[in-house]
Amino acid sequence: MALRQLGAAAAVAATLALATPAHAVTEIQWWHAMTGPNNDVVVKLANDFNASQNDYKIVPSFKGSYADVLNAGIAAFRAGNAPGIMQVFEVGTATMMAAKGAVKPVSELMKEQGESFDPKSYLPAITGYYSTSKGDMLSFPFNSSSMVMWINLDALKKADIAEPPKTWPEVFADARKLHTTNPTCGFSSSWITWGLIEQFSAWHNVPIGSKGNGLDGFDTVLAFNTPLQTKLLEGLVDLQKDKSYDYSGRTNTGEGRFTSGECPMYMTSSAFYPNVKANAKFTYTAVPMPYFPDVNGAPQNSIIGGASLWVMGGKTPEEYKGIAKFFTFLSDTDRQVYLHEVSGYLPITKAAYDKTKTSGFYDKNPILEVPLKELTNRPPTENSRGLRFGGMVQMRDVWSEEIEAALAGKKSAKEALDAAVSRGNAMLRQFERTAAK
């Protein structure tokens, strides 16, 4: 009896030993804002990395919109339970930099962990946005996009428009023609401040603010209330009167107006591609953002949208080691090619772009090269490297309020932009006082 019990106990012990891992796996929390098909991409990346080794486990968690993730992450850091990796949209860069002790620069992380990491291997229009003035990368580029003009080719044909517009005067004229066959909307756009202020200024090589649009220091002064930016807003205000242009909100909630066929010209992110591909029941394309032909040197180059991955402070050495290995995993050329082709986001490395181009992929999918051609149209200048303004999330709302007032006929375009600049400068001064504490 005793021998049988001893044998049974030994069998149980052996079974437990086999079921227990030889070492503990280090879990790394990754908070993100990806929805729909791109959430599936995030999950696949985590699963693929987890399957590639036995030491670390990336655990992705959806935390809401970009702004939600940023706010939740900062609050979690203060409470001592921040994730290891946090996805932050590009305009949150200054806020993350000012959160003292909350982040660990990616260049510092990769050097400490002995992982191969050369910022020059990434597309300069992307790395510049997320780097210090000395070229040290602060965060890891992840899902980058730019702004393009989506075109319903069937609607253009119906309105006897031979080809998509290249300039803003052509957009204005085509919007009126399209409005005759699309009574509720000829042209619309999403991300109103990103398109009409941020991208527009970079595309025309004019400043949004001083100090290299804030990349060279916090004490910047806004400067987007010039005759050029005013001319654009005046044109849209005029079109809004009969809905040849029809405002679709501050974010991308109105994008369905394009895929439904309601708005045949629609300016928004290149990351809209998977939704257009899945839902548009008409012939479509995407073309570069329009420009004013009388502006010397235009078009210049576009700037990125999307987000990067920030490494949070206060983590264990094992977590940092795992995060560094994950970033090396993400940088793999074939993986970047795959991500670009399935998500519509841009390849972040030169090698991935070159490999995609050499493969002939763009011959069959020219839409996906449009934002890359915009970003690499010319070498970035002080006006087109990007922007880094403190409190940008809140400031975009203020700029939107003023643009909305102009579109509603409550203010002139010049009054609205003057107010946007004045209110924005006050917010920048407040951010500087807070960041200095």
Foldseek 3Di string as FASTA:
>chain_A
DVVVVVVVVVVVVVVVVVVDDPDDAAEFEEEEADDDPVVVVVVVLQVVLCVVDPRYHYDYDYQHHLVRQVVVQLVCVVVPHHTQKYKHKLQCLQVVVLSPQWFDALLVLLVVLVHDDDLVQFDLLQQLSQAAPVSGGRFADDFKWFKWKKAFVVLCVVLVNDDDDAAPVVLLVQLVSSCVVQVQAAEEEEQVCCPLQFFQQLQLVHAQWPCLQQSNHLLIAGDRLDPQSLVNLQSLLVCLVRRSYPYDDNHCPRVVCCQVPNHRIYMYILLCVVVNVVRRPGDMAIAHDHHHPVRPPGRAAGHIIGTGMTGTGDDDPSNSSSVSVSSVVCLDLVNLLVCCVSRLGHRGGPSNVVVCVVVCVCVVVVRSCRNVCRHVVDPGDSRHSGHHHPPVVVLSVLLVVLSVCCSVVNDRSSVSVVRSSVVSSVVSVVRVVVSVD
